[in-house]
Amino acid sequence: MLLGIILAVSTLIVVVALISGASQYIASRVANMGSNVFLLRRYPLISTLEDFVKYTRRNRNITWDDYIALKDGLKLPANIGAEARDTGQLRLGNLTMDDVSLRGVSESIGEMDIEQLAAGRYITDTDNDHRTSVTVLGSEVAEKFFASMDPLGRSVEIDGRPYEVVGVMKEIGTVLGQSQDRYVYMPISTFLKTYGEVNHSLSINIQARGADWMLRTQEEARVLMRARRHLRPGDEDTFGILSSEVLLDLYHQLTGAIAGSMVGVAAVFLVIGGVVIMNVMLASVTERTREIGLRKSLGARKTDILLQFLVESALMSGFGGVIGVLVAYAISIAVSSLLSVPMSVPLTAVVVAIFVSTAVGLFFGLYPARRAAQLDPIEALRAET
């Protein structure tokens, strides 16, 4: 009887919990590239296959020379660094780990990134100047190869080449069941020498002096890159600039579309649940016709009968809403525990869900309540039960 209400409320709460939890994670991790940091990359934010094909054909790699030109030519940034990525295999004795994220970085990346050192040191300018074979391990990698020993000063093979471990990063955790700690850092000069610059486009991280400087700093970087690529005033950029605001805007657009579709599904469930409640209340009016007639003969007013059935309908629907909230909480806890999906149930969503479910009961209970209130007491007393 209350299945429609329960499904509607639990669906809404679960979707809100997923979006809310993901929003908190996005804000703190994915989009938080560091304080007032934006990225200059080969591609802008791509949302369609057509754009991907277009930018792949048109946009050239961001090179080391581009990084040096920006580092020397930009006047507004507080900091600037470069990063390149690939995947590789790590080995230590009989232990191996595949599909490890390899990150070649300049020293300044450590000053802008959200990741923090747990032990040892980060990659330094000296490491990059001399192309040294040193590495900083993500916590999962360190745990895999050095669970019972101090990794600092020891050696691990990355794609068959030995690297000295000089640092270990703090644990980040998992998202959607995927570990965020399966990575290693190495000097970007060592990375480019080992894996080649031709097939690796750099990501240039640029930190503005403050939030008020972001747009001016982005524009300065854009102007310099356009000049390097000899672009005319009407030409599109052949590179992309990504900021946390852009990523958050895209995320909110995506979640807004998801939330909108889920609201539609929940509305269907609510209507179904409301119709069921209305039919149940109509049956209740028929079964209790003599009771209604007796109450009216003893002085009950139409408003008394109306309120009685409205309250019963609202309580029935509200109870379904409460069950739906409890079901949603159980689902959220289970999903968060088993799949490491960030879930957060806002109190406002719970209050709104119970209010809406109660309102549905009032709306669909109005017709049976009016029908009960308008019964003639004499005819009601004659009714067969």
Protein backbone atom coordinates (compact mmCIF):
# COMPACT_ATOMS: atom_id res chain seq x y z
CA MET A 1 0.00 0.00 0.00
CA LEU A 2 2.82 2.42 0.87
CA LEU A 3 5.30 0.99 -1.63
CA GLY A 4 5.04 3.95 -4.01
CA ILE A 5 5.70 6.48 -1.25
CA ILE A 6 8.59 4.41 0.14
CA LEU A 7 10.19 4.02 -3.30
CA ALA A 8 9.80 7.72 -4.08
CA VAL A 9 11.30 8.93 -0.81
CA SER A 10 14.12 6.38 -0.73
CA THR A 11 15.02 7.14 -4.38
CA LEU A 12 15.18 10.87 -3.72
CA ILE A 13 17.18 10.50 -0.50
CA VAL A 14 19.70 8.09 -2.05
CA VAL A 15 20.24 10.35 -5.07
CA VAL A 16 20.60 13.43 -2.86
CA ALA A 17 23.00 11.51 -0.57
CA LEU A 18 25.13 10.43 -3.54
CA ILE A 19 25.22 13.91 -5.06
CA SER A 20 25.89 15.56 -1.71
CA GLY A 21 28.68 13.14 -0.81
CA ALA A 22 30.23 13.39 -4.26
CA SER A 23 30.01 17.19 -4.12
CA GLN A 24 31.94 17.23 -0.87
CA TYR A 25 34.58 14.96 -2.37
CA ILE A 26 34.80 16.94 -5.60
CA ALA A 27 35.13 20.19 -3.70
CA SER A 28 37.85 18.83 -1.40
CA ARG A 29 39.79 16.57 -3.79
CA VAL A 30 39.05 16.42 -7.50
CA ALA A 31 38.41 20.10 -8.17
CA ASN A 32 40.69 21.32 -5.43
CA MET A 33 43.89 21.47 -7.45
CA GLY A 34 45.44 23.59 -4.77
CA SER A 35 44.78 27.07 -3.51
CA ASN A 36 44.15 29.41 -6.49
CA VAL A 37 45.70 26.94 -8.95
CA PHE A 38 44.70 26.38 -12.57
CA LEU A 39 46.11 24.04 -15.19
CA LEU A 40 47.35 24.78 -18.69
CA ARG A 41 47.04 21.58 -20.71
CA ARG A 42 46.79 20.30 -24.26
CA TYR A 43 43.02 19.87 -24.06
CA PRO A 44 40.30 22.10 -22.63
CA LEU A 45 37.38 20.49 -20.81
CA ILE A 46 35.90 17.97 -23.29
CA SER A 47 32.29 16.80 -23.04
CA THR A 48 31.65 15.26 -26.50
CA LEU A 49 33.39 12.83 -28.82
CA GLU A 50 33.27 15.44 -31.57
CA ASP A 51 35.24 17.89 -29.43
CA PHE A 52 37.78 15.20 -28.56
CA VAL A 53 38.41 14.44 -32.24
CA LYS A 54 38.67 18.15 -33.08
CA TYR A 55 41.09 18.98 -30.27
CA THR A 56 43.20 15.87 -30.89
CA ARG A 57 43.76 16.94 -34.49
CA ARG A 58 44.32 20.62 -33.76
CA ASN A 59 45.97 20.98 -30.34
CA ARG A 60 49.66 20.25 -30.00
CA ASN A 61 51.38 18.87 -26.93
CA ILE A 62 52.41 21.20 -24.15
CA THR A 63 56.20 20.87 -24.17
CA TRP A 64 59.07 21.49 -21.79
CA ASP A 65 59.97 24.58 -23.83
CA ASP A 66 56.43 25.89 -23.24
CA TYR A 67 56.92 25.40 -19.51
CA ILE A 68 60.26 27.23 -19.49
CA ALA A 69 58.78 30.08 -21.56
CA LEU A 70 55.85 30.46 -19.15
CA LYS A 71 58.07 30.15 -16.10
CA ASP A 72 60.39 32.86 -17.38
CA GLY A 73 57.79 35.07 -19.07
CA LEU A 74 54.84 35.19 -16.65
CA LYS A 75 54.95 38.00 -14.07
CA LEU A 76 51.69 37.52 -12.15
CA PRO A 77 51.80 33.93 -10.80
CA ALA A 78 52.89 33.15 -7.28
CA ASN A 79 54.14 29.74 -8.41
CA ILE A 80 54.39 27.58 -11.50
CA GLY A 81 55.23 23.89 -11.97
CA ALA A 82 55.08 21.11 -14.56
CA GLU A 83 53.83 17.54 -14.45
CA ALA A 84 53.74 14.60 -16.89
CA ARG A 85 51.96 11.26 -16.43
CA ASP A 86 52.03 7.67 -17.64
CA THR A 87 51.45 4.20 -16.20
CA GLY A 88 54.06 1.59 -15.42
CA GLN A 89 55.06 -1.48 -13.45
CA LEU A 90 56.89 -1.55 -10.12
CA ARG A 91 58.94 -4.49 -8.92
CA LEU A 92 60.82 -5.39 -5.76
CA GLY A 93 62.12 -8.94 -5.61
CA ASN A 94 59.17 -11.23 -6.28
CA LEU A 95 56.59 -8.49 -5.69
CA THR A 96 55.13 -6.59 -8.65
CA MET A 97 52.44 -3.93 -9.07
CA ASP A 98 50.98 -3.11 -12.50
CA ASP A 99 49.13 -0.02 -13.74
CA VAL A 100 50.82 2.31 -11.29
CA SER A 101 50.41 6.02 -12.05
CA LEU A 102 53.84 7.48 -12.85
CA ARG A 103 54.07 11.22 -12.28
CA GLY A 104 57.07 13.25 -13.33
CA VAL A 105 56.99 16.51 -11.39
CA SER A 106 58.94 19.68 -10.78
CA GLU A 107 59.69 20.73 -7.21
CA SER A 108 57.01 23.42 -7.16
CA ILE A 109 54.22 20.88 -7.76
CA GLY A 110 54.70 19.74 -4.19
CA GLU A 111 54.04 23.29 -2.98
CA MET A 112 50.70 23.43 -4.86
CA ASP A 113 49.31 19.88 -4.68
CA ILE A 114 46.84 18.72 -2.05
CA GLU A 115 48.84 15.53 -1.39
CA GLN A 116 51.05 15.70 1.70
CA LEU A 117 54.25 13.95 2.73
CA ALA A 118 54.10 11.33 5.45
CA ALA A 119 57.86 10.73 5.59
CA GLY A 120 61.04 11.75 3.80
CA ARG A 121 61.16 14.53 1.22
CA TYR A 122 59.63 15.60 -2.08
CA ILE A 123 61.26 15.89 -5.50
CA THR A 124 63.73 18.82 -5.55
CA ASP A 125 65.15 21.12 -8.22
CA THR A 126 68.49 19.38 -7.70
CA ASP A 127 66.87 16.05 -8.62
CA ASN A 128 65.57 17.61 -11.82
CA ASP A 129 68.84 19.38 -12.63
CA HIS A 130 70.76 16.09 -12.41
CA ARG A 131 67.97 13.78 -13.66
CA THR A 132 68.42 11.61 -10.60
CA SER A 133 66.64 8.28 -10.26
CA VAL A 134 64.67 8.98 -7.10
CA THR A 135 61.00 8.44 -6.33
CA VAL A 136 58.31 9.33 -3.80
CA LEU A 137 55.77 6.56 -3.20
CA GLY A 138 52.01 6.77 -2.75
CA SER A 139 50.82 5.10 0.45
CA GLU A 140 49.40 2.01 -1.29
CA VAL A 141 52.67 1.41 -3.13
CA ALA A 142 54.68 1.87 0.06
CA GLU A 143 52.41 -0.55 1.92
CA LYS A 144 52.68 -3.13 -0.87
CA PHE A 145 56.48 -3.21 -1.08
CA PHE A 146 57.61 -2.03 2.35
CA ALA A 147 54.90 -3.16 4.75
CA SER A 148 57.30 -4.18 7.51
CA MET A 149 60.26 -1.89 6.89
CA ASP A 150 61.21 1.74 6.40
CA PRO A 151 61.23 2.40 2.64
CA LEU A 152 63.42 5.51 2.80
CA GLY A 153 66.81 4.90 1.22
CA ARG A 154 65.78 1.59 -0.29
CA SER A 155 65.44 0.85 -4.00
CA VAL A 156 62.45 -0.17 -6.15
CA GLU A 157 62.36 -0.92 -9.87
CA ILE A 158 60.06 1.19 -12.07
CA ASP A 159 59.72 -0.39 -15.51
CA GLY A 160 62.99 -2.23 -14.97
CA ARG A 161 65.04 0.77 -13.75
CA PRO A 162 66.11 1.17 -10.10
CA TYR A 163 64.93 4.24 -8.19
CA GLU A 164 65.85 5.25 -4.66
CA VAL A 165 62.87 5.94 -2.40
CA VAL A 166 63.23 9.38 -0.83
CA GLY A 167 59.67 9.96 0.42
CA VAL A 168 56.24 8.51 1.16
CA MET A 169 52.95 10.37 0.79
CA LYS A 170 50.01 10.37 3.20
CA GLU A 171 47.01 8.18 2.39
CA ILE A 172 44.21 9.72 0.35
CA GLY A 173 41.77 6.79 0.24
CA THR A 174 39.46 5.36 -2.41
CA VAL A 175 36.71 6.76 -4.60
CA LEU A 176 34.12 4.50 -6.23
CA GLY A 177 36.28 1.59 -5.18
CA GLN A 178 39.35 2.99 -6.95
CA SER A 179 42.47 3.67 -4.90
CA GLN A 180 43.87 7.21 -5.06
CA ASP A 181 47.22 6.12 -3.57
CA ARG A 182 48.52 3.91 -6.39
CA TYR A 183 51.13 6.33 -7.74
CA VAL A 184 54.79 7.36 -7.60
CA TYR A 185 56.53 10.68 -8.17
CA MET A 186 59.84 11.11 -9.96
CA PRO A 187 61.75 14.13 -11.30
CA ILE A 188 60.08 15.35 -14.49
CA SER A 189 63.46 15.59 -16.23
CA THR A 190 64.07 11.92 -15.43
CA PHE A 191 60.55 11.05 -16.62
CA LEU A 192 60.98 12.83 -19.97
CA LYS A 193 64.42 11.31 -20.51
CA THR A 194 63.11 7.81 -19.75
CA TYR A 195 59.70 7.86 -21.41
CA GLY A 196 60.25 10.52 -24.07
CA GLU A 197 58.77 13.98 -24.46
CA VAL A 198 57.24 13.42 -27.91
CA ASN A 199 54.32 11.29 -26.69
CA HIS A 200 53.75 13.10 -23.40
CA SER A 201 52.00 16.43 -23.13
CA LEU A 202 52.82 18.33 -19.96
CA SER A 203 50.34 19.81 -17.53
CA ILE A 204 51.52 23.22 -16.32
CA ASN A 205 50.19 24.10 -12.87
CA ILE A 206 49.97 27.85 -12.27
CA GLN A 207 49.16 29.35 -8.89
CA ALA A 208 47.77 32.88 -8.71
CA ARG A 209 48.63 35.22 -5.86
CA GLY A 210 45.04 35.07 -4.63
CA ALA A 211 41.46 34.53 -5.74
CA ASP A 212 41.28 38.10 -7.06
CA TRP A 213 44.27 37.43 -9.31
CA MET A 214 42.94 34.25 -10.95
CA LEU A 215 41.36 35.77 -14.06
CA ARG A 216 44.26 38.15 -14.70
CA THR A 217 46.80 35.36 -14.27
CA GLN A 218 44.85 33.05 -16.57
CA GLU A 219 44.64 35.77 -19.19
CA GLU A 220 48.39 36.44 -18.97
CA ALA A 221 49.12 32.73 -19.46
CA ARG A 222 46.66 32.58 -22.36
CA VAL A 223 48.21 35.59 -24.10
CA LEU A 224 51.74 34.20 -23.78
CA MET A 225 50.74 30.75 -25.07
CA ARG A 226 48.84 32.26 -28.01
CA ALA A 227 51.91 34.33 -28.88
CA ARG A 228 54.14 31.23 -28.73
CA ARG A 229 51.78 29.47 -31.14
CA HIS A 230 51.42 32.48 -33.43
CA LEU A 231 47.64 32.55 -33.15
CA ARG A 232 45.80 35.46 -34.74
CA PRO A 233 43.13 37.43 -32.83
CA GLY A 234 40.23 35.46 -34.34
CA ASP A 235 41.80 32.01 -33.89
CA GLU A 236 40.67 29.60 -31.17
CA ASP A 237 43.12 28.57 -28.46
CA THR A 238 45.09 25.43 -29.32
CA PHE A 239 45.43 24.54 -25.64
CA GLY A 240 43.15 24.36 -22.63
CA ILE A 241 42.97 26.14 -19.29
CA LEU A 242 41.24 24.26 -16.48
CA SER A 243 40.32 25.71 -13.12
CA SER A 244 38.42 24.27 -10.16
CA GLU A 245 35.48 26.55 -11.00
CA VAL A 246 35.19 25.08 -14.50
CA LEU A 247 35.26 21.53 -13.17
CA LEU A 248 32.70 22.31 -10.48
CA ASP A 249 30.40 23.97 -13.01
CA LEU A 250 30.51 20.89 -15.24
CA TYR A 251 29.92 18.64 -12.22
CA HIS A 252 26.92 20.67 -11.12
CA GLN A 253 25.47 20.53 -14.65
CA LEU A 254 25.82 16.76 -14.73
CA THR A 255 24.38 16.20 -11.25
CA GLY A 256 21.61 18.68 -11.98
CA ALA A 257 20.53 16.60 -14.97
CA ILE A 258 20.70 13.41 -12.89
CA ALA A 259 18.74 14.98 -10.05
CA GLY A 260 16.12 16.28 -12.48
CA SER A 261 15.53 12.84 -13.97
CA MET A 262 15.35 11.27 -10.51
CA VAL A 263 12.80 13.87 -9.42
CA GLY A 264 10.67 12.78 -12.37
CA VAL A 265 10.95 9.12 -11.35
CA ALA A 266 10.15 9.98 -7.73
CA ALA A 267 7.15 12.06 -8.84
CA VAL A 268 5.73 9.03 -10.67
CA PHE A 269 6.18 6.89 -7.55
CA LEU A 270 4.52 9.59 -5.44
CA VAL A 271 1.50 9.77 -7.75
CA ILE A 272 1.18 5.99 -7.73
CA GLY A 273 1.45 5.95 -3.95
CA GLY A 274 -1.05 8.79 -3.66
CA VAL A 275 -3.59 7.01 -5.88
CA VAL A 276 -3.21 3.86 -3.81
CA ILE A 277 -3.76 5.83 -0.60
CA MET A 278 -6.84 7.50 -2.11
CA ASN A 279 -8.32 4.11 -3.05
CA VAL A 280 -7.58 2.73 0.41
CA MET A 281 -9.24 5.72 2.03
CA LEU A 282 -12.27 5.40 -0.25
CA ALA A 283 -12.58 1.77 0.77
CA SER A 284 -12.22 2.85 4.40
CA VAL A 285 -15.05 5.37 3.97
CA THR A 286 -17.28 2.64 2.51
CA GLU A 287 -16.45 0.24 5.35
CA ARG A 288 -17.01 2.86 8.04
CA THR A 289 -20.17 4.45 6.65
CA ARG A 290 -22.28 3.48 9.68
CA GLU A 291 -19.55 4.80 12.01
CA ILE A 292 -19.59 8.12 10.14
CA GLY A 293 -23.39 8.26 10.35
CA LEU A 294 -23.29 7.53 14.08
CA ARG A 295 -20.71 10.27 14.70
CA LYS A 296 -22.76 12.77 12.73
CA SER A 297 -25.94 11.85 14.60
CA LEU A 298 -24.09 12.51 17.86
CA GLY A 299 -23.13 16.03 16.72
CA ALA A 300 -19.94 15.65 14.68
CA ARG A 301 -19.57 18.39 12.09
CA LYS A 302 -18.47 18.02 8.50
CA THR A 303 -15.10 19.57 9.37
CA ASP A 304 -14.61 16.97 12.13
CA ILE A 305 -15.14 14.10 9.69
CA LEU A 306 -13.01 15.85 7.06
CA LEU A 307 -10.12 16.37 9.46
CA GLN A 308 -10.34 12.79 10.76
CA PHE A 309 -9.83 11.26 7.32
CA LEU A 310 -7.27 13.85 6.24
CA VAL A 311 -5.18 13.16 9.35
CA GLU A 312 -5.41 9.41 8.76
CA SER A 313 -4.33 9.84 5.13
CA ALA A 314 -1.48 12.19 6.04
CA LEU A 315 -0.24 9.90 8.82
CA MET A 316 -0.34 6.92 6.48
CA SER A 317 1.64 8.75 3.80
CA GLY A 318 4.02 10.32 6.34
CA PHE A 319 4.71 6.90 7.82
CA GLY A 320 5.60 5.68 4.33
CA GLY A 321 7.96 8.65 4.03
CA VAL A 322 9.67 7.75 7.33
CA ILE A 323 10.14 4.16 6.15
CA GLY A 324 11.55 5.47 2.87
CA VAL A 325 14.06 7.64 4.76
CA LEU A 326 15.16 4.65 6.87
CA VAL A 327 15.54 2.52 3.74
CA ALA A 328 17.58 5.28 2.09
CA TYR A 329 19.84 5.57 5.16
CA ALA A 330 20.44 1.81 5.11
CA ILE A 331 21.24 1.88 1.37
CA SER A 332 23.58 4.86 1.82
CA ILE A 333 25.49 3.18 4.63
CA ALA A 334 25.76 -0.10 2.70
CA VAL A 335 26.94 1.57 -0.53
CA SER A 336 29.42 3.77 1.30
CA SER A 337 30.86 0.80 3.23
CA LEU A 338 30.97 -1.78 0.45
CA LEU A 339 31.86 0.38 -2.58
CA SER A 340 33.66 3.30 -0.92
CA VAL A 341 31.26 5.68 -2.65
CA PRO A 342 31.00 8.98 -0.75
CA MET A 343 27.43 9.34 0.58
CA SER A 344 26.08 12.14 2.76
CA VAL A 345 22.40 12.48 3.72
CA PRO A 346 21.56 16.14 4.44
CA LEU A 347 19.03 16.75 7.21
CA THR A 348 17.14 19.18 4.98
CA ALA A 349 16.56 16.40 2.43
CA VAL A 350 15.06 14.20 5.14
CA VAL A 351 12.75 16.98 6.34
CA VAL A 352 11.67 17.84 2.79
CA ALA A 353 11.06 14.18 1.92
CA ILE A 354 8.82 13.59 4.94
CA PHE A 355 7.00 16.90 4.34
CA VAL A 356 6.37 16.05 0.67
CA SER A 357 5.17 12.53 1.45
CA THR A 358 2.78 13.91 4.08
CA ALA A 359 1.55 16.56 1.63
CA VAL A 360 0.87 13.82 -0.94
CA GLY A 361 -1.26 12.03 1.65
CA LEU A 362 -3.20 15.22 2.35
CA PHE A 363 -3.76 15.91 -1.35
CA PHE A 364 -4.91 12.43 -2.33
CA GLY A 365 -6.84 12.00 0.91
CA LEU A 366 -8.88 15.14 0.31
CA TYR A 367 -11.42 13.50 -2.02
CA PRO A 368 -12.20 10.53 0.29
CA ALA A 369 -12.35 12.90 3.27
CA ARG A 370 -14.81 15.26 1.50
CA ARG A 371 -16.88 12.28 0.46
CA ALA A 372 -17.03 11.06 4.05
CA ALA A 373 -17.85 14.53 5.37
CA GLN A 374 -20.76 14.94 2.92
CA LEU A 375 -22.51 11.68 3.82
CA ASP A 376 -26.08 12.08 5.03
CA PRO A 377 -26.24 10.74 8.61
CA ILE A 378 -29.61 9.00 8.12
CA GLU A 379 -28.52 7.27 4.92
CA ALA A 380 -25.17 6.38 6.53
CA LEU A 381 -26.90 4.68 9.49
CA ARG A 382 -28.95 2.59 7.08
CA ALA A 383 -25.88 1.40 5.23
CA GLU A 384 -24.93 -2.26 5.43
CA THR A 385 -21.38 -2.94 6.67
